[in-house]
Amino acid sequence: MTAQSSAPARPRIKLKPKANARALRHGFPWVYANELVTDRRTRKLAPGTLAVLEDEAMNTLGLVSINPESKIIARMIDRNPDAVIDQAWFAARLSRAMDMRTRLYDAPFYRLVHAESDGLPGVVIDRFGSACVVQPNAAWADAHLADLTAALAEVTGCDVILKNASGRTRGLEGLDDVSLALLGAAPEAPLPVQMNGATYMADLNGGQKTGLFFDQRENHAFAARLAAPGAKVLDVFSHVGGFGLAMLAGGAAHATCVDGSAAALELAAQGAKVSGFGDQFTARQGDAFDVLTTLGEEQAQFDVVICDPPAFAPSKPALEAGLRAYERVARLAAGLVKPGGYLGLCSCSHAADLSKFRNASARGIGRGGRRGQLIHTGYAGADHPQMPQLAESGYLKAVFFRLD
């Protein structure tokens, strides 16, 4: 039931006088620890507790979840302070999220919930046909996991729902790192996922994050357009072959995929085989910087080179070091591109905005002795919607250059 009369009594918490209540009223979803009055009572609230947030004048702002152990001490859950957070509430938000995805995609393989952007703060859900993988990266989601799971099964009809507890975000929230099956049994073998004409193998048990990155789908498709028939392409930080397999499906003659994970490369090789171009695929395991350096020494040349590294700048303190790393990737990769060929560079660091990342990439290309035209800027697909008030929701950037 969602009747407001059944809402339980909840603690009330208050912003400090200098906190930006206007931003919260206009949609910003977070309250930082230094913005909240944290008396003894507030500090004793269990992580995940729901509370009513007020400004300094005691005007109600909405229903928030509290986690005294996190720098993000409060997350906006519902603008209605009397909202009942139960299975029906989750089902309504999940239904709204799924409605958009089913309009966008012919098959049920997509990011179903993109955290704050879909009204479920800290919650990520990726769908793989009849299976869903949930990352409850905020304390309130852990506390309501039973209702979330029941609603997810109700709305999607999925009979397998897995909790993935990997990643640094849960640690920042003081949560456990225990992954488990919430409904049904985890699939024993990787699941095939068709995207952009290729088949990718998603390991929902031991793979990175939820098993596959859906966010690069549109950028994979653009890279495939750059790979003219007969092209020789290089995919660095390839994971399970994201760009490499898409470019093979687009007509490339051969793809070399580079990654530090043997398990990820094995999945990439399986995907290439299932897709029908196993003999056009080469895996090269090793540190990406070392492999790029070695390929340069070998004077290797490719028609298209794509580099999609992990987040080098996951936070503001790491920004400068991260930008230097992106510049180094661009410098090493630029020398491997044939004249007139294409270089794609990606960043999933929310701390490095597009301008900073693009400038670091351009500097690296220049220091690699090359000049280039910026021909395209890509972002995450529409199943990863951005929340305009929250820059972190628009974390993914991809810049594509044509080099002289």
Protein backbone atom coordinates (compact mmCIF):
# COMPACT_ATOMS: atom_id res chain seq x y z
CA MET A 1 0.00 0.00 0.00
CA THR A 2 1.13 3.55 -0.68
CA ALA A 3 -1.60 5.41 1.18
CA GLN A 4 -0.01 8.38 2.85
CA SER A 5 -1.99 7.82 6.06
CA SER A 6 0.07 4.68 6.68
CA ALA A 7 3.40 6.53 6.67
CA PRO A 8 5.32 5.83 9.89
CA ALA A 9 6.57 8.53 12.24
CA ARG A 10 10.02 9.58 11.08
CA PRO A 11 12.90 11.54 12.57
CA ARG A 12 13.34 15.09 11.33
CA ILE A 13 16.73 16.48 10.41
CA LYS A 14 17.73 20.03 9.52
CA LEU A 15 20.13 21.77 7.18
CA LYS A 16 22.68 24.21 8.51
CA PRO A 17 22.00 27.88 7.76
CA LYS A 18 24.67 28.07 5.05
CA ALA A 19 23.60 24.89 3.27
CA ASN A 20 22.28 25.31 -0.26
CA ALA A 21 18.60 24.56 0.27
CA ARG A 22 17.79 26.21 -3.07
CA ALA A 23 19.79 23.56 -4.96
CA LEU A 24 17.86 20.82 -3.16
CA ARG A 25 14.55 22.47 -4.04
CA HIS A 26 15.65 22.64 -7.67
CA GLY A 27 16.47 18.95 -7.84
CA PHE A 28 19.97 18.35 -6.45
CA PRO A 29 19.66 14.97 -4.70
CA TRP A 30 22.44 14.96 -2.09
CA VAL A 31 23.24 16.56 1.27
CA TYR A 32 26.88 16.48 2.32
CA ALA A 33 27.91 15.85 5.92
CA ASN A 34 29.10 19.44 6.43
CA GLU A 35 25.68 20.79 5.38
CA LEU A 36 23.57 18.99 7.97
CA VAL A 37 23.04 19.65 11.66
CA THR A 38 24.50 16.46 13.11
CA ASP A 39 23.65 16.33 16.78
CA ARG A 40 23.95 13.23 18.94
CA ARG A 41 20.51 12.00 17.87
CA THR A 42 21.33 12.29 14.17
CA ARG A 43 24.69 10.55 14.56
CA LYS A 44 22.95 7.60 16.23
CA LEU A 45 20.58 7.00 13.30
CA ALA A 46 21.23 3.65 11.64
CA PRO A 47 22.56 3.85 8.06
CA GLY A 48 19.61 3.72 5.69
CA THR A 49 17.12 5.33 8.10
CA LEU A 50 14.44 7.41 6.38
CA ALA A 51 13.97 10.93 7.72
CA VAL A 52 12.20 14.18 6.87
CA LEU A 53 14.60 16.91 5.74
CA GLU A 54 13.95 20.54 6.70
CA ASP A 55 15.72 23.77 5.86
CA GLU A 56 16.89 26.17 8.57
CA ALA A 57 13.41 27.74 8.71
CA MET A 58 11.89 24.28 9.29
CA ASN A 59 10.29 24.14 5.84
CA THR A 60 9.99 20.55 4.66
CA LEU A 61 12.13 19.61 1.65
CA GLY A 62 11.29 15.92 1.33
CA LEU A 63 12.01 12.38 2.46
CA VAL A 64 15.68 11.42 2.61
CA SER A 65 17.76 8.45 3.62
CA ILE A 66 20.44 9.03 6.24
CA ASN A 67 23.89 7.50 6.51
CA PRO A 68 26.02 9.15 9.22
CA GLU A 69 28.99 7.07 8.03
CA SER A 70 29.03 8.59 4.52
CA LYS A 71 30.20 11.96 3.20
CA ILE A 72 26.87 12.01 1.37
CA ILE A 73 24.94 11.98 4.62
CA ALA A 74 21.47 12.29 3.06
CA ARG A 75 19.98 11.28 -0.30
CA MET A 76 16.63 12.55 -1.51
CA ILE A 77 14.23 9.60 -1.84
CA ASP A 78 10.87 11.28 -2.44
CA ARG A 79 9.68 14.90 -2.47
CA ASN A 80 6.65 13.71 -0.52
CA PRO A 81 7.78 13.44 3.13
CA ASP A 82 4.92 11.01 3.87
CA ALA A 83 5.74 8.58 1.05
CA VAL A 84 5.59 4.91 2.03
CA ILE A 85 8.66 3.11 0.70
CA ASP A 86 7.32 -0.36 0.03
CA GLN A 87 7.04 -2.84 -2.84
CA ALA A 88 4.39 -0.74 -4.60
CA TRP A 89 6.58 2.38 -4.39
CA PHE A 90 9.51 0.52 -5.95
CA ALA A 91 7.26 -1.02 -8.60
CA ALA A 92 6.05 2.41 -9.69
CA ARG A 93 9.60 3.71 -10.17
CA LEU A 94 10.77 0.53 -11.88
CA SER A 95 7.80 0.58 -14.24
CA ARG A 96 8.57 4.15 -15.25
CA ALA A 97 12.22 3.23 -15.88
CA MET A 98 11.35 0.13 -17.89
CA ASP A 99 8.81 1.95 -20.04
CA MET A 100 11.55 4.11 -21.53
CA ARG A 101 13.96 1.21 -22.08
CA THR A 102 11.38 -0.91 -23.89
CA ARG A 103 10.79 2.00 -26.26
CA LEU A 104 14.51 2.26 -26.97
CA TYR A 105 15.58 -1.38 -27.29
CA ASP A 106 14.11 -4.37 -29.10
CA ALA A 107 15.62 -6.88 -26.69
CA PRO A 108 15.70 -6.83 -22.85
CA PHE A 109 19.40 -6.11 -22.51
CA TYR A 110 20.04 -2.67 -21.03
CA ARG A 111 20.61 -0.62 -17.90
CA LEU A 112 17.19 -0.64 -16.28
CA VAL A 113 17.96 1.74 -13.41
CA HIS A 114 20.63 4.43 -13.44
CA ALA A 115 20.58 5.47 -9.79
CA GLU A 116 19.49 9.05 -9.04
CA SER A 117 18.56 9.66 -12.68
CA ASP A 118 15.78 7.07 -12.35
CA GLY A 119 14.68 8.13 -8.87
CA LEU A 120 16.47 5.31 -7.00
CA PRO A 121 19.53 6.94 -5.41
CA GLY A 122 22.63 4.76 -5.43
CA VAL A 123 20.86 1.84 -7.13
CA VAL A 124 22.13 0.40 -10.41
CA ILE A 125 20.25 -2.41 -12.16
CA ASP A 126 21.36 -4.02 -15.42
CA ARG A 127 19.03 -6.41 -17.21
CA PHE A 128 20.17 -9.49 -19.11
CA GLY A 129 17.01 -11.04 -20.52
CA SER A 130 15.36 -12.98 -17.70
CA ALA A 131 18.12 -12.04 -15.23
CA CYS A 132 18.81 -8.76 -13.44
CA VAL A 133 21.94 -7.71 -11.57
CA VAL A 134 21.41 -5.16 -8.80
CA GLN A 135 24.11 -2.98 -7.27
CA PRO A 136 22.57 -1.45 -4.12
CA ASN A 137 25.30 1.13 -3.56
CA ALA A 138 23.54 3.10 -0.82
CA ALA A 139 22.55 2.06 2.70
CA TRP A 140 18.84 2.76 2.22
CA ALA A 141 18.71 0.36 -0.75
CA ASP A 142 20.33 -2.39 1.30
CA ALA A 143 17.75 -1.81 4.04
CA HIS A 144 14.88 -2.13 1.53
CA LEU A 145 16.38 -4.85 -0.62
CA ALA A 146 13.52 -7.33 -0.06
CA ASP A 147 10.89 -4.90 -1.36
CA LEU A 148 13.13 -3.85 -4.24
CA THR A 149 13.70 -7.48 -5.24
CA ALA A 150 10.00 -8.33 -5.09
CA ALA A 151 9.08 -5.26 -7.15
CA LEU A 152 11.79 -6.00 -9.69
CA ALA A 153 10.49 -9.54 -10.21
CA GLU A 154 6.93 -8.19 -10.45
CA VAL A 155 7.69 -5.52 -13.03
CA THR A 156 10.19 -7.36 -15.24
CA GLY A 157 9.09 -10.98 -14.84
CA CYS A 158 12.74 -11.92 -14.33
CA ASP A 159 13.30 -15.17 -12.44
CA VAL A 160 16.96 -14.52 -11.56
CA ILE A 161 17.99 -11.46 -9.53
CA LEU A 162 21.56 -11.14 -8.31
CA LYS A 163 23.12 -8.70 -5.86
CA ASN A 164 26.55 -7.47 -6.93
CA ALA A 165 28.40 -5.92 -3.99
CA SER A 166 31.69 -5.12 -5.73
CA GLY A 167 33.03 -1.63 -6.24
CA ARG A 168 34.33 1.20 -4.11
CA THR A 169 30.96 2.92 -3.61
CA ARG A 170 29.60 0.37 -1.15
CA GLY A 171 32.79 0.69 0.87
CA LEU A 172 32.29 4.45 1.09
CA GLU A 173 28.80 3.76 2.44
CA GLY A 174 30.12 1.31 5.06
CA LEU A 175 28.37 -1.64 3.39
CA ASP A 176 29.44 -5.26 2.94
CA ASP A 177 31.05 -6.75 -0.15
CA VAL A 178 28.99 -9.94 -0.20
CA SER A 179 27.45 -10.78 -3.58
CA LEU A 180 24.61 -13.31 -3.66
CA ALA A 181 21.48 -14.51 -5.44
CA LEU A 182 18.36 -12.68 -4.28
CA LEU A 183 16.01 -14.72 -6.48
CA GLY A 184 16.66 -17.94 -8.36
CA ALA A 185 20.15 -19.26 -9.05
CA ALA A 186 23.04 -17.47 -10.68
CA PRO A 187 23.71 -18.75 -14.22
CA GLU A 188 26.67 -21.11 -14.31
CA ALA A 189 27.83 -20.04 -17.76
CA PRO A 190 28.27 -16.60 -19.33
CA LEU A 191 25.16 -15.24 -21.06
CA PRO A 192 25.26 -14.20 -24.73
CA VAL A 193 24.18 -10.60 -25.37
CA GLN A 194 23.65 -9.30 -28.91
CA MET A 195 24.60 -5.69 -29.56
CA ASN A 196 25.58 -3.89 -32.75
CA GLY A 197 25.75 -7.11 -34.74
CA ALA A 198 28.15 -8.86 -32.36
CA THR A 199 27.62 -11.31 -29.51
CA TYR A 200 29.17 -10.46 -26.14
CA MET A 201 29.57 -12.93 -23.31
CA ALA A 202 28.44 -11.54 -19.94
CA ASP A 203 29.69 -13.24 -16.78
CA LEU A 204 27.09 -12.28 -14.18
CA ASN A 205 28.97 -14.09 -11.40
CA GLY A 206 32.64 -13.21 -11.65
CA GLY A 207 32.76 -10.46 -14.25
CA GLN A 208 33.52 -6.79 -13.66
CA LYS A 209 30.63 -4.77 -12.22
CA THR A 210 27.39 -6.36 -13.43
CA GLY A 211 29.12 -8.45 -16.10
CA LEU A 212 28.90 -6.17 -19.14
CA PHE A 213 29.09 -2.45 -19.84
CA PHE A 214 25.97 -1.30 -21.67
CA ASP A 215 26.97 2.37 -21.49
CA GLN A 216 29.30 2.25 -24.53
CA ARG A 217 26.73 0.76 -26.92
CA GLU A 218 26.29 3.93 -29.00
CA ASN A 219 30.03 4.62 -29.06
CA HIS A 220 30.70 1.02 -30.18
CA ALA A 221 28.32 1.65 -33.08
CA PHE A 222 30.12 4.86 -34.06
CA ALA A 223 33.52 3.13 -33.96
CA ALA A 224 32.13 0.35 -36.18
CA ARG A 225 31.29 3.00 -38.79
CA LEU A 226 34.92 4.12 -38.79
CA ALA A 227 36.21 0.60 -39.46
CA ALA A 228 36.06 0.39 -43.25
CA PRO A 229 35.94 -3.11 -44.77
CA GLY A 230 39.35 -4.69 -44.41
CA ALA A 231 40.45 -2.41 -41.57
CA LYS A 232 42.91 -3.51 -38.92
CA VAL A 233 41.79 -2.27 -35.49
CA LEU A 234 43.09 -2.12 -31.93
CA ASP A 235 40.90 -2.11 -28.80
CA VAL A 236 42.86 -1.24 -25.64
CA PHE A 237 41.36 -1.80 -22.17
CA SER A 238 38.94 -3.98 -24.12
CA HIS A 239 37.23 -5.84 -21.25
CA VAL A 240 35.12 -8.49 -23.06
CA GLY A 241 35.84 -7.02 -26.50
CA GLY A 242 33.45 -4.08 -26.53
CA PHE A 243 34.86 -1.95 -29.34
CA GLY A 244 36.82 -4.71 -31.04
CA LEU A 245 33.86 -7.02 -31.61
CA ALA A 246 31.64 -4.14 -32.75
CA MET A 247 34.23 -3.10 -35.33
CA LEU A 248 34.57 -6.68 -36.57
CA ALA A 249 30.80 -6.79 -36.97
CA GLY A 250 31.09 -3.52 -38.89
CA GLY A 251 33.48 -5.01 -41.44
CA ALA A 252 36.96 -4.80 -39.94
CA ALA A 253 39.32 -7.53 -41.15
CA HIS A 254 41.10 -8.05 -37.83
CA ALA A 255 40.84 -6.84 -34.24
CA THR A 256 43.47 -7.00 -31.52
CA CYS A 257 42.04 -6.69 -28.01
CA VAL A 258 44.29 -5.71 -25.11
CA ASP A 259 43.38 -6.11 -21.44
CA GLY A 260 45.04 -6.98 -18.15
CA SER A 261 42.42 -9.61 -17.33
CA ALA A 262 42.85 -13.07 -18.83
CA ALA A 263 39.27 -13.90 -17.87
CA ALA A 264 37.90 -10.88 -19.73
CA LEU A 265 39.94 -11.69 -22.83
CA GLU A 266 38.71 -15.29 -22.76
CA LEU A 267 35.14 -13.97 -22.80
CA ALA A 268 36.09 -11.67 -25.68
CA ALA A 269 37.49 -14.63 -27.60
CA GLN A 270 34.31 -16.61 -26.95
CA GLY A 271 32.25 -13.68 -28.19
CA ALA A 272 34.32 -13.42 -31.36
CA LYS A 273 33.88 -17.14 -32.01
CA VAL A 274 30.13 -17.11 -31.41
CA SER A 275 29.83 -14.01 -33.61
CA GLY A 276 31.51 -15.85 -36.47
CA PHE A 277 34.81 -14.02 -36.66
CA GLY A 278 37.01 -15.95 -34.24
CA ASP A 279 39.83 -16.24 -36.80
CA GLN A 280 39.89 -12.45 -37.14
CA PHE A 281 40.47 -11.87 -33.43
CA THR A 282 43.69 -11.70 -31.39
CA ALA A 283 43.91 -11.27 -27.62
CA ARG A 284 46.95 -9.66 -26.03
CA GLN A 285 47.07 -9.77 -22.25
CA GLY A 286 49.18 -7.32 -20.28
CA ASP A 287 49.42 -3.88 -18.77
CA ALA A 288 47.90 -1.53 -21.34
CA PHE A 289 50.66 1.07 -21.07
CA ASP A 290 53.31 -1.62 -21.54
CA VAL A 291 51.51 -3.11 -24.54
CA LEU A 292 51.02 0.30 -26.13
CA THR A 293 54.73 1.02 -25.65
CA THR A 294 55.72 -2.34 -27.11
CA LEU A 295 53.44 -1.93 -30.12
CA GLY A 296 55.04 1.46 -30.73
CA GLU A 297 58.49 -0.09 -30.62
CA GLU A 298 57.27 -2.72 -33.08
CA GLN A 299 56.06 0.11 -35.34
CA ALA A 300 52.62 -1.47 -35.45
CA GLN A 301 49.97 0.48 -37.32
CA PHE A 302 46.18 0.28 -37.21
CA ASP A 303 43.34 1.91 -39.10
CA VAL A 304 41.36 2.49 -35.89
CA VAL A 305 42.63 2.56 -32.30
CA ILE A 306 40.24 2.80 -29.35
CA CYS A 307 41.29 3.21 -25.70
CA ASP A 308 38.62 2.83 -23.00
CA PRO A 309 40.49 2.80 -19.67
CA PRO A 310 39.06 2.55 -16.16
CA ALA A 311 38.42 5.75 -14.22
CA PHE A 312 41.83 7.37 -13.78
CA ALA A 313 40.21 10.29 -11.91
CA PRO A 314 37.48 8.78 -9.70
CA SER A 315 37.56 11.77 -7.34
CA LYS A 316 38.71 15.38 -7.28
CA PRO A 317 41.96 14.61 -5.39
CA ALA A 318 42.89 12.20 -8.19
CA LEU A 319 42.08 14.64 -11.00
CA GLU A 320 45.54 15.91 -11.95
CA ALA A 321 47.13 12.46 -11.88
CA GLY A 322 44.19 11.13 -13.84
CA LEU A 323 44.49 13.77 -16.55
CA ARG A 324 48.20 12.96 -16.92
CA ALA A 325 47.28 9.31 -17.37
CA TYR A 326 44.72 10.16 -20.06
CA GLU A 327 47.31 12.31 -21.80
CA ARG A 328 49.80 9.46 -21.72
CA VAL A 329 47.27 7.04 -23.21
CA ALA A 330 46.58 9.49 -26.04
CA ARG A 331 50.30 10.01 -26.71
CA LEU A 332 51.09 6.30 -26.87
CA ALA A 333 48.00 5.44 -28.91
CA ALA A 334 48.38 8.25 -31.44
CA GLY A 335 51.60 6.80 -32.78
CA LEU A 336 49.84 3.54 -33.64
CA VAL A 337 47.26 5.13 -35.95
CA LYS A 338 47.90 5.08 -39.68
CA PRO A 339 47.84 8.47 -41.44
CA GLY A 340 44.20 9.25 -42.09
CA GLY A 341 43.15 6.71 -39.48
CA TYR A 342 41.02 7.20 -36.40
CA LEU A 343 41.64 7.38 -32.66
CA GLY A 344 38.88 7.04 -30.07
CA LEU A 345 39.57 7.92 -26.43
CA CYS A 346 37.16 7.39 -23.54
CA SER A 347 36.84 8.43 -19.91
CA CYS A 348 34.43 7.24 -17.23
CA SER A 349 35.87 9.63 -14.62
CA HIS A 350 33.16 12.00 -13.39
CA ALA A 351 35.83 14.22 -11.79
CA ALA A 352 37.32 14.91 -15.23
CA ASP A 353 34.70 16.87 -17.14
CA LEU A 354 34.51 16.82 -20.92
CA SER A 355 36.60 19.94 -21.41
CA LYS A 356 39.45 18.72 -19.21
CA PHE A 357 39.41 15.25 -20.73
CA ARG A 358 39.27 16.55 -24.30
CA ASN A 359 42.18 18.92 -23.63
CA ALA A 360 44.27 16.15 -22.06
CA SER A 361 43.56 13.93 -25.08
CA ALA A 362 44.53 16.69 -27.53
CA ARG A 363 47.76 17.39 -25.63
CA GLY A 364 48.66 13.71 -25.74
CA ILE A 365 48.02 13.51 -29.47
CA GLY A 366 50.22 16.56 -30.02
CA ARG A 367 52.99 15.16 -27.84
CA GLY A 368 52.77 11.98 -29.84
CA GLY A 369 53.78 14.00 -32.90
CA ARG A 370 50.36 13.92 -34.51
CA ARG A 371 47.67 16.39 -35.45
CA GLY A 372 44.03 15.55 -35.57
CA GLN A 373 40.48 16.67 -36.27
CA LEU A 374 37.93 16.12 -33.52
CA ILE A 375 35.08 14.50 -35.44
CA HIS A 376 32.70 13.22 -32.78
CA THR A 377 31.93 13.38 -29.07
CA GLY A 378 29.99 10.51 -27.55
CA TYR A 379 28.30 9.85 -24.23
CA ALA A 380 26.58 6.98 -22.49
CA GLY A 381 23.48 5.59 -24.17
CA ALA A 382 19.95 6.69 -23.34
CA ASP A 383 19.55 3.82 -20.88
CA HIS A 384 22.05 5.79 -18.75
CA PRO A 385 20.06 9.05 -18.51
CA GLN A 386 21.70 12.10 -17.01
CA MET A 387 20.22 14.00 -14.11
CA PRO A 388 20.80 17.65 -15.06
CA GLN A 389 21.35 18.67 -11.44
CA LEU A 390 23.95 15.93 -10.82
CA ALA A 391 27.11 16.10 -12.94
CA GLU A 392 28.21 12.67 -11.72
CA SER A 393 25.36 11.04 -13.64
CA GLY A 394 26.98 12.11 -16.92
CA TYR A 395 30.30 10.41 -16.24
CA LEU A 396 31.09 8.87 -19.66
CA LYS A 397 32.83 10.82 -22.42
CA ALA A 398 34.26 9.58 -25.73
CA VAL A 399 36.18 11.72 -28.21
CA PHE A 400 37.02 10.55 -31.71
CA PHE A 401 39.79 12.07 -33.84
CA ARG A 402 40.94 11.64 -37.40
CA LEU A 403 44.73 11.87 -37.39
CA ASP A 404 46.97 13.21 -40.14
